[in-house]
Amino acid sequence: MVLSSFGAKLVGESGILRLMDDIGRPLPSGLEACLLGGGNPARIPEVESLYRAEMERLLAERGAFEDAIGRYDAPQGRVSFLEAIADFLRGRYGWDVGPENVAVTNGSQSAFFYLFNLLSGAEPSRRTILFPLVPEYVGYADQGIDHGTFVTLPARHQSFDDRSFKYSIDLDLVDRYLAAHPEVGAICVSRPTNPTGNVLTDAEVAALAALARRSGIPLLVDNAYGVPFPNIIFPDRMGLPDGVEPVPRWEPGIVLSMSLSKIGLPALRSGIVVADRETVSALGALNSIVALASGSLGQVLAEGLVRSGELARVASRAVRPFYRARSEEALAAVREAFSGRDYLVHRSEGSIFLWLCINDLSITSMELYARLKERGVVVVPGEYFFFGLAEGSEEETAWSRHPHRERCVRINYARPIEEVRRGVALIAEESARFSG
């Protein structure tokens, strides 16, 4: 088969392909698996019971199930679901949004593929996407159709006495880069940040929005783990006062992506985009060409829960406390397993991951990943989260020297806690063979 440049770009080796293959492909027989690599959320009974009740209601209502599975929705999404999302956001946050500001895609991964390639590329003139914080989500790295369209800037980082550390955006660097590079077509961040669990402060998001506005470009915010659902954010870890939490930000010029995946529906692929009418219309047009329409069942199951506010309530009542406790257990496992070692772990402010930096590791994290897999432990090596930039540029040189690039692994702590503890212990044991 002779591949086009598009084909060669998208079917080659990639971090997200390896990550998803690790999720779905069984390990060699005889190994006790510790599947700490993918982004699969935990199964939380209180959440699952809501969806089961919605499905039972759907099945009990004459013709409702058949209607949900038996016809296409509009390319922009199911009209009643778009209205439910807009009503909820308008009522909860006072945003000036209607259904014309909302689009649904087959997962937020698809949404970003659409957005990146709407806003970047080689023709008619070169446009790039700027990621002002690296490391960033592995799933972004290979989504550009054209080569060289992603630029990532290194983050500042600060270490603390408890063997934690935290990344922050170098806003001066972003400002200088934008001033020198008018070809930037959009800025993109995830919040909470995958892989690190970092949550950008409200001030950081506001500053990025102002820089984007000054440059006449949109700010894309991936809110897949954020408020209001699934609400996997831990305000106390951010040093916020009791009762204060980060809030999502939307205004003209911001494209906010949300998802139903991390609140119990990963298999139904329901991404939600809140944006200006022009962007939403473009997403609908793309969706009609690529997929005809988005899947309906996730929208159907979630619609009533969005309208009643119950989805946001269960996120606060059950989802956030579950992951807050699981994060603490996973951190305790790391502290015990790596006692006496030279390591750091990023402050766990949100998402479902720990970002572990093994400073005394003498092999690359990619090599450690391969050795761990032979022992039944799956993680994601840090190299995949440092991507983008044009070779030979000043920024590329800085990025390639990032001290964390080959020393970090991402650990998903959503798995059963005994599996997490066993996996962390094996990570410590295997990495200790290559310490110093």
Protein backbone atom coordinates (compact mmCIF):
# COMPACT_ATOMS: atom_id res chain seq x y z
CA MET A 1 0.00 0.00 0.00
CA VAL A 2 1.38 3.39 -1.02
CA LEU A 3 0.42 5.96 1.60
CA SER A 4 -0.23 9.64 1.07
CA SER A 5 1.55 12.13 3.32
CA PHE A 6 -1.66 12.24 5.37
CA GLY A 7 -1.61 8.46 5.70
CA ALA A 8 2.07 8.27 6.58
CA LYS A 9 1.64 10.98 9.21
CA LEU A 10 -1.35 9.43 10.97
CA VAL A 11 -0.69 5.69 10.81
CA GLY A 12 2.94 5.68 11.95
CA GLU A 13 4.21 4.98 15.44
CA SER A 14 2.67 7.33 18.00
CA GLY A 15 2.34 7.61 21.75
CA ILE A 16 -1.44 7.55 21.73
CA LEU A 17 -1.48 4.43 19.53
CA ARG A 18 0.82 2.62 21.94
CA LEU A 19 -1.21 3.83 24.93
CA MET A 20 -4.54 2.63 23.49
CA ASP A 21 -2.99 -0.63 22.33
CA ASP A 22 -1.74 -1.23 25.87
CA ILE A 23 -5.31 -0.75 27.15
CA GLY A 24 -6.88 -3.21 24.74
CA ARG A 25 -4.18 -5.83 24.15
CA PRO A 26 -3.68 -8.48 26.87
CA LEU A 27 -0.25 -8.94 28.41
CA PRO A 28 1.58 -12.27 28.09
CA SER A 29 -0.10 -15.05 30.07
CA GLY A 30 1.11 -15.73 33.59
CA LEU A 31 1.67 -12.09 34.52
CA GLU A 32 -0.36 -10.35 37.20
CA ALA A 33 -1.31 -7.19 35.34
CA CYS A 34 -1.01 -3.70 36.77
CA LEU A 35 -2.65 -1.55 34.11
CA LEU A 36 -1.57 1.91 35.16
CA GLY A 37 -1.02 3.29 31.68
CA GLY A 38 -4.25 4.36 29.97
CA GLY A 39 -6.80 7.02 30.78
CA ASN A 40 -9.68 4.72 31.66
CA PRO A 41 -11.68 6.17 34.57
CA ALA A 42 -12.66 4.16 37.63
CA ARG A 43 -16.06 2.52 37.85
CA ILE A 44 -17.91 4.42 40.56
CA PRO A 45 -21.16 2.69 41.63
CA GLU A 46 -23.06 5.91 42.38
CA VAL A 47 -22.37 7.18 38.86
CA GLU A 48 -23.14 3.89 37.17
CA SER A 49 -26.44 3.59 39.03
CA LEU A 50 -27.57 6.92 37.55
CA TYR A 51 -26.89 5.76 34.01
CA ARG A 52 -28.55 2.39 34.68
CA ALA A 53 -31.66 4.20 35.91
CA GLU A 54 -31.65 6.40 32.80
CA MET A 55 -31.31 3.34 30.57
CA GLU A 56 -34.15 1.57 32.39
CA ARG A 57 -36.32 4.65 31.98
CA LEU A 58 -35.43 4.74 28.29
CA LEU A 59 -36.34 1.08 27.83
CA ALA A 60 -39.60 1.48 29.71
CA GLU A 61 -40.80 4.42 27.59
CA ARG A 62 -42.45 3.16 24.45
CA GLY A 63 -40.33 3.93 21.39
CA ALA A 64 -37.69 5.94 23.30
CA PHE A 65 -34.90 3.38 23.02
CA GLU A 66 -35.63 2.76 19.37
CA ASP A 67 -35.59 6.50 18.72
CA ALA A 68 -32.22 6.83 20.47
CA ILE A 69 -30.54 4.16 18.37
CA GLY A 70 -32.56 4.28 15.17
CA ARG A 71 -31.83 7.69 13.65
CA TYR A 72 -29.00 10.12 13.09
CA ASP A 73 -28.84 13.33 15.07
CA ALA A 74 -27.83 16.63 13.48
CA PRO A 75 -24.09 16.98 12.72
CA GLN A 76 -23.82 19.53 15.54
CA GLY A 77 -25.38 17.09 18.03
CA ARG A 78 -28.74 16.03 19.42
CA VAL A 79 -30.78 19.24 19.54
CA SER A 80 -32.35 18.58 22.95
CA PHE A 81 -28.94 17.76 24.45
CA LEU A 82 -27.41 20.95 23.02
CA GLU A 83 -30.25 22.89 24.64
CA ALA A 84 -29.73 21.08 27.96
CA ILE A 85 -26.00 21.91 28.03
CA ALA A 86 -26.59 25.55 27.09
CA ASP A 87 -29.35 25.97 29.69
CA PHE A 88 -27.17 24.39 32.38
CA LEU A 89 -24.12 26.56 31.66
CA ARG A 90 -26.19 29.71 31.36
CA GLY A 91 -27.93 29.01 34.66
CA ARG A 92 -24.86 27.87 36.60
CA TYR A 93 -22.24 30.35 35.35
CA GLY A 94 -24.25 33.12 33.72
CA TRP A 95 -22.58 32.56 30.34
CA ASP A 96 -24.26 34.07 27.31
CA VAL A 97 -24.61 30.78 25.45
CA GLY A 98 -27.39 29.03 23.56
CA PRO A 99 -27.55 25.72 21.69
CA GLU A 100 -25.87 27.46 18.75
CA ASN A 101 -22.75 27.71 20.96
CA VAL A 102 -22.54 23.96 21.65
CA ALA A 103 -21.33 21.07 19.47
CA VAL A 104 -20.98 17.36 20.23
CA THR A 105 -18.25 15.20 18.72
CA ASN A 106 -17.31 11.54 19.03
CA GLY A 107 -15.17 12.23 22.08
CA SER A 108 -13.12 15.32 22.83
CA GLN A 109 -10.16 13.66 21.07
CA SER A 110 -12.08 14.07 17.81
CA ALA A 111 -12.95 17.64 18.71
CA PHE A 112 -9.29 18.58 19.02
CA PHE A 113 -8.39 16.87 15.76
CA TYR A 114 -11.02 19.05 14.10
CA LEU A 115 -9.97 22.22 15.93
CA PHE A 116 -6.23 21.82 15.41
CA ASN A 117 -6.60 21.27 11.69
CA LEU A 118 -9.14 24.06 11.29
CA LEU A 119 -6.68 26.49 12.84
CA SER A 120 -3.26 25.27 11.69
CA GLY A 121 -1.49 23.90 8.63
CA ALA A 122 0.76 24.76 5.72
CA GLU A 123 -1.76 26.31 3.33
CA PRO A 124 -2.57 29.02 2.36
CA SER A 125 0.09 30.25 4.80
CA ARG A 126 1.76 28.41 7.65
CA ARG A 127 -0.22 28.43 10.91
CA THR A 128 0.78 26.74 14.17
CA ILE A 129 -0.79 25.70 17.47
CA LEU A 130 1.04 26.90 20.58
CA PHE A 131 1.10 24.77 23.76
CA PRO A 132 2.43 27.10 26.48
CA LEU A 133 3.07 24.28 28.97
CA VAL A 134 5.09 21.14 28.41
CA PRO A 135 4.67 18.28 29.31
CA GLU A 136 1.20 18.08 27.74
CA TYR A 137 -1.32 15.43 26.71
CA VAL A 138 0.14 12.65 24.55
CA GLY A 139 -3.03 12.48 22.45
CA TYR A 140 -2.38 15.91 20.96
CA ALA A 141 1.08 15.10 19.65
CA ASP A 142 0.20 13.48 16.32
CA GLN A 143 -3.10 15.17 15.50
CA GLY A 144 -1.77 17.75 13.07
CA ILE A 145 -2.20 16.74 9.43
CA ASP A 146 0.80 18.84 8.43
CA HIS A 147 4.25 18.40 9.96
CA GLY A 148 5.65 21.11 12.16
CA THR A 149 2.40 22.76 13.18
CA PHE A 150 2.68 22.21 16.96
CA VAL A 151 4.88 24.40 19.15
CA THR A 152 5.36 23.61 22.84
CA LEU A 153 7.13 25.83 25.34
CA PRO A 154 8.89 24.52 28.47
CA ALA A 155 7.23 25.14 31.81
CA ARG A 156 8.81 26.57 34.90
CA HIS A 157 8.91 24.15 37.81
CA GLN A 158 9.33 24.55 41.54
CA SER A 159 10.27 21.79 44.00
CA PHE A 160 9.07 21.56 47.60
CA ASP A 161 10.37 19.92 50.77
CA ASP A 162 7.80 17.09 50.67
CA ARG A 163 9.31 15.70 47.41
CA SER A 164 6.58 17.29 45.35
CA PHE A 165 6.97 19.82 42.58
CA LYS A 166 4.72 21.96 40.38
CA TYR A 167 4.83 23.30 36.85
CA SER A 168 3.68 26.81 35.97
CA ILE A 169 3.39 28.65 32.68
CA ASP A 170 6.18 31.06 31.79
CA LEU A 171 3.84 33.85 30.71
CA ASP A 172 6.71 36.15 29.72
CA LEU A 173 8.02 33.46 27.37
CA VAL A 174 4.54 33.02 25.87
CA ASP A 175 4.22 36.77 25.41
CA ARG A 176 7.60 37.00 23.67
CA TYR A 177 6.89 33.99 21.48
CA LEU A 178 3.55 35.36 20.30
CA ALA A 179 5.10 38.74 19.54
CA ALA A 180 7.81 37.11 17.41
CA HIS A 181 5.59 34.49 15.73
CA PRO A 182 2.47 35.93 14.09
CA GLU A 183 1.87 32.54 12.44
CA VAL A 184 0.44 31.10 15.68
CA GLY A 185 -3.22 30.23 15.01
CA ALA A 186 -4.34 29.20 18.51
CA ILE A 187 -3.15 28.55 22.06
CA CYS A 188 -4.09 25.24 23.70
CA VAL A 189 -3.97 24.01 27.32
CA SER A 190 -5.52 21.18 29.30
CA ARG A 191 -6.96 21.94 32.76
CA PRO A 192 -6.42 19.79 34.81
CA THR A 193 -3.31 19.02 32.84
CA ASN A 194 -2.78 15.52 31.57
CA PRO A 195 -0.24 13.99 32.44
CA THR A 196 0.75 15.90 35.55
CA GLY A 197 -2.45 16.62 37.49
CA ASN A 198 -1.53 20.32 37.39
CA VAL A 199 -4.47 22.72 37.50
CA LEU A 200 -3.80 26.10 35.95
CA THR A 201 -4.87 28.90 38.24
CA ASP A 202 -7.72 31.21 37.31
CA ALA A 203 -5.10 33.95 36.91
CA GLU A 204 -3.06 31.85 34.46
CA VAL A 205 -6.13 31.13 32.34
CA ALA A 206 -7.14 34.80 32.39
CA ALA A 207 -3.63 35.85 31.35
CA LEU A 208 -3.58 33.34 28.48
CA ALA A 209 -7.02 34.51 27.35
CA ALA A 210 -5.74 38.11 27.31
CA LEU A 211 -2.64 37.15 25.30
CA ALA A 212 -4.76 35.20 22.82
CA ARG A 213 -7.20 38.08 22.49
CA ARG A 214 -4.35 40.54 21.87
CA SER A 215 -3.03 38.26 19.11
CA GLY A 216 -6.48 37.78 17.58
CA ILE A 217 -6.46 34.00 18.07
CA PRO A 218 -8.58 31.59 20.13
CA LEU A 219 -7.60 29.93 23.41
CA LEU A 220 -8.51 26.23 23.42
CA VAL A 221 -9.10 24.80 26.91
CA ASP A 222 -9.43 21.03 27.34
CA ASN A 223 -11.64 20.61 30.41
CA ALA A 224 -12.05 16.82 30.21
CA TYR A 225 -11.29 16.34 33.94
CA GLY A 226 -12.58 19.68 35.18
CA VAL A 227 -15.55 21.51 36.64
CA PRO A 228 -18.56 21.04 36.58
CA PHE A 229 -18.23 17.38 35.60
CA PRO A 230 -16.40 15.14 36.25
CA ASN A 231 -14.98 17.70 38.72
CA ILE A 232 -11.73 15.81 39.38
CA ILE A 233 -10.07 18.87 40.90
CA PHE A 234 -8.74 19.08 44.47
CA PRO A 235 -8.86 22.75 45.55
CA ASP A 236 -7.14 22.10 48.89
CA ARG A 237 -4.08 20.80 47.03
CA MET A 238 -3.97 24.11 45.16
CA GLY A 239 -3.87 26.06 48.41
CA LEU A 240 -7.34 27.53 47.92
CA PRO A 241 -9.46 28.44 50.97
CA ASP A 242 -12.25 26.09 52.06
CA GLY A 243 -15.27 26.40 49.79
CA VAL A 244 -13.31 28.05 46.97
CA GLU A 245 -12.65 26.12 43.77
CA PRO A 246 -11.45 26.93 40.27
CA VAL A 247 -14.24 27.74 37.85
CA PRO A 248 -14.31 27.06 34.12
CA ARG A 249 -13.79 30.15 32.01
CA TRP A 250 -15.66 30.86 28.82
CA GLU A 251 -16.03 34.06 26.85
CA PRO A 252 -15.85 34.98 23.17
CA GLY A 253 -12.44 33.88 21.99
CA ILE A 254 -12.29 30.80 24.25
CA VAL A 255 -13.12 27.32 22.96
CA LEU A 256 -13.95 25.10 25.94
CA SER A 257 -14.01 21.33 25.54
CA MET A 258 -15.79 19.02 27.99
CA SER A 259 -16.41 15.28 28.01
CA LEU A 260 -18.67 12.58 29.40
CA SER A 261 -15.85 10.03 29.34
CA LYS A 262 -14.38 10.66 32.78
CA ILE A 263 -17.79 10.70 34.42
CA GLY A 264 -18.54 7.14 33.48
CA LEU A 265 -19.16 7.01 29.71
CA PRO A 266 -15.77 6.49 28.02
CA ALA A 267 -17.14 3.87 25.63
CA LEU A 268 -19.89 6.14 24.28
CA ARG A 269 -17.50 8.86 23.03
CA SER A 270 -19.33 12.09 23.82
CA GLY A 271 -17.23 15.25 23.59
CA ILE A 272 -18.79 18.67 24.18
CA VAL A 273 -17.44 21.93 22.75
CA VAL A 274 -18.60 25.39 23.84
CA ALA A 275 -17.53 28.10 21.41
CA ASP A 276 -18.66 30.97 19.21
CA ARG A 277 -21.23 30.23 16.50
CA GLU A 278 -18.69 30.24 13.69
CA THR A 279 -16.53 27.59 15.37
CA VAL A 280 -19.54 25.46 16.28
CA SER A 281 -20.84 25.66 12.72
CA ALA A 282 -17.42 24.59 11.39
CA LEU A 283 -17.32 21.62 13.79
CA GLY A 284 -20.77 20.54 12.64
CA ALA A 285 -19.70 20.75 9.01
CA LEU A 286 -16.58 18.68 9.69
CA ASN A 287 -18.57 16.15 11.68
CA SER A 288 -20.98 15.67 8.79
CA ILE A 289 -18.09 14.86 6.43
CA VAL A 290 -16.01 12.70 8.77
CA ALA A 291 -18.70 10.92 10.79
CA LEU A 292 -22.15 12.03 9.47
CA ALA A 293 -23.14 12.64 13.10
CA SER A 294 -21.97 11.91 16.63
CA GLY A 295 -23.18 8.92 18.61
CA SER A 296 -26.53 9.54 20.31
CA LEU A 297 -26.62 7.20 23.28
CA GLY A 298 -24.27 9.13 25.55
CA GLN A 299 -26.24 12.31 24.90
CA VAL A 300 -29.52 10.53 25.61
CA LEU A 301 -28.32 9.01 28.89
CA ALA A 302 -26.81 12.26 30.14
CA GLU A 303 -29.45 14.76 28.99
CA GLY A 304 -31.87 14.43 31.89
CA LEU A 305 -28.99 14.37 34.40
CA VAL A 306 -27.64 17.61 32.94
CA ARG A 307 -31.06 19.29 33.01
CA SER A 308 -31.72 18.34 36.63
CA GLY A 309 -28.20 19.24 37.75
CA GLU A 310 -27.72 15.69 39.03
CA LEU A 311 -24.65 15.06 36.87
CA ALA A 312 -22.86 18.01 38.45
CA ARG A 313 -24.08 17.00 41.91
CA VAL A 314 -22.82 13.43 41.64
CA ALA A 315 -19.50 14.79 40.37
CA SER A 316 -19.13 16.84 43.57
CA ARG A 317 -20.71 14.27 45.88
CA ALA A 318 -19.09 11.06 44.64
CA VAL A 319 -16.55 11.51 41.84
CA ARG A 320 -14.29 14.15 43.35
CA PRO A 321 -14.13 12.50 46.84
CA PHE A 322 -13.40 9.12 45.26
CA TYR A 323 -10.43 10.39 43.29
CA ARG A 324 -9.22 12.64 46.13
CA ALA A 325 -8.98 9.60 48.41
CA ARG A 326 -7.48 7.41 45.69
CA SER A 327 -4.86 10.08 44.92
CA GLU A 328 -3.82 10.17 48.58
CA GLU A 329 -3.52 6.37 48.66
CA ALA A 330 -1.43 6.36 45.49
CA LEU A 331 0.85 9.10 46.83
CA ALA A 332 1.34 7.10 50.04
CA ALA A 333 2.30 4.08 47.93
CA VAL A 334 4.90 6.16 46.07
CA ARG A 335 6.35 7.56 49.30
CA GLU A 336 6.66 4.07 50.78
CA ALA A 337 8.06 2.37 47.67
CA PHE A 338 10.57 5.14 46.86
CA SER A 339 11.70 5.87 50.41
CA GLY A 340 15.39 6.78 50.36
CA ARG A 341 15.37 7.38 46.59
CA ASP A 342 15.87 10.62 44.67
CA TYR A 343 12.40 11.21 43.23
CA LEU A 344 9.73 13.88 42.88
CA VAL A 345 6.00 13.61 42.21
CA HIS A 346 3.96 16.46 40.77
CA ARG A 347 1.42 17.96 43.14
CA SER A 348 -1.78 16.02 42.54
CA GLU A 349 -4.25 18.86 42.02
CA GLY A 350 -6.63 17.03 39.67
CA SER A 351 -7.14 14.44 36.90
CA ILE A 352 -6.54 10.71 37.50
CA PHE A 353 -2.76 10.57 37.12
CA LEU A 354 0.44 10.87 39.11
CA TRP A 355 3.48 12.28 37.30
CA LEU A 356 6.47 10.58 38.86
CA CYS A 357 9.97 11.95 38.21
CA ILE A 358 12.72 9.43 39.07
CA ASN A 359 15.78 11.66 39.29
CA ASP A 360 18.25 8.84 39.89
CA LEU A 361 17.13 6.84 36.83
CA SER A 362 20.11 5.96 34.62
CA ILE A 363 18.04 4.61 31.69
CA THR A 364 15.33 6.46 29.78
CA SER A 365 11.71 6.26 30.84
CA MET A 366 11.03 4.58 27.50
CA GLU A 367 13.44 1.80 28.42
CA LEU A 368 11.90 1.56 31.89
CA TYR A 369 8.44 1.29 30.31
CA ALA A 370 9.58 -1.68 28.20
CA ARG A 371 11.13 -3.45 31.20
CA LEU A 372 8.07 -2.86 33.36
CA LYS A 373 5.79 -4.25 30.68
CA GLU A 374 7.75 -7.52 30.79
CA ARG A 375 6.76 -7.69 34.46
CA GLY A 376 3.09 -6.94 33.85
CA VAL A 377 3.16 -3.22 34.73
CA VAL A 378 1.94 -0.76 32.11
CA VAL A 379 2.70 2.96 32.49
CA VAL A 380 3.21 5.73 29.92
CA PRO A 381 6.81 6.92 29.42
CA GLY A 382 7.50 10.60 29.81
CA GLU A 383 9.05 11.14 26.38
CA TYR A 384 5.62 11.05 24.71
CA PHE A 385 4.47 14.16 26.57
CA PHE A 386 7.28 16.38 25.25
CA PHE A 387 6.42 17.03 21.63
CA GLY A 388 6.25 19.66 18.92
CA LEU A 389 8.52 22.53 17.92
CA ALA A 390 10.57 22.99 14.75
CA GLU A 391 14.04 21.45 14.76
CA GLY A 392 16.88 23.85 15.22
CA SER A 393 14.82 26.64 16.80
CA GLU A 394 15.83 28.15 20.11
CA GLU A 395 12.71 26.74 21.72
CA GLU A 396 13.44 23.23 20.40
CA THR A 397 16.87 23.30 21.98
CA ALA A 398 15.38 24.31 25.34
CA TRP A 399 12.66 21.67 25.09
CA SER A 400 15.02 18.81 24.19
CA ARG A 401 17.12 19.59 27.27
CA HIS A 402 14.14 19.50 29.64
CA PRO A 403 15.38 17.65 32.74
CA HIS A 404 12.17 15.63 33.11
CA ARG A 405 11.80 14.34 29.56
CA GLU A 406 13.45 10.93 30.09
CA ARG A 407 12.95 10.55 33.84
CA CYS A 408 9.17 10.67 34.24
CA VAL A 409 6.33 8.18 33.95
CA ARG A 410 2.58 8.75 34.08
CA ILE A 411 0.65 6.51 36.46
CA ASN A 412 -3.13 6.09 36.32
CA TYR A 413 -4.36 5.67 39.89
CA ALA A 414 -7.99 4.96 38.93
CA ARG A 415 -7.34 1.21 39.04
CA PRO A 416 -8.14 -0.79 42.23
CA ILE A 417 -5.83 0.45 44.96
CA GLU A 418 -4.13 -2.91 45.56
CA GLU A 419 -3.23 -3.01 41.87
CA VAL A 420 -1.88 0.53 42.11
CA ARG A 421 0.22 -0.34 45.18
CA ARG A 422 1.60 -3.47 43.55
CA GLY A 423 2.41 -1.59 40.35
CA VAL A 424 4.13 1.28 42.17
CA ALA A 425 6.22 -1.20 44.16
CA LEU A 426 7.34 -2.90 40.94
CA ILE A 427 8.16 0.49 39.36
CA ALA A 428 10.36 1.27 42.36
CA GLU A 429 11.97 -2.18 42.29
CA GLU A 430 12.71 -2.17 38.57
CA SER A 431 13.95 1.45 38.48
CA ALA A 432 16.23 0.76 41.47
CA ARG A 433 18.18 -1.63 39.26
CA PHE A 434 19.12 1.41 37.13
CA SER A 435 19.57 4.11 39.75
CA GLY A 436 22.61 6.27 40.20
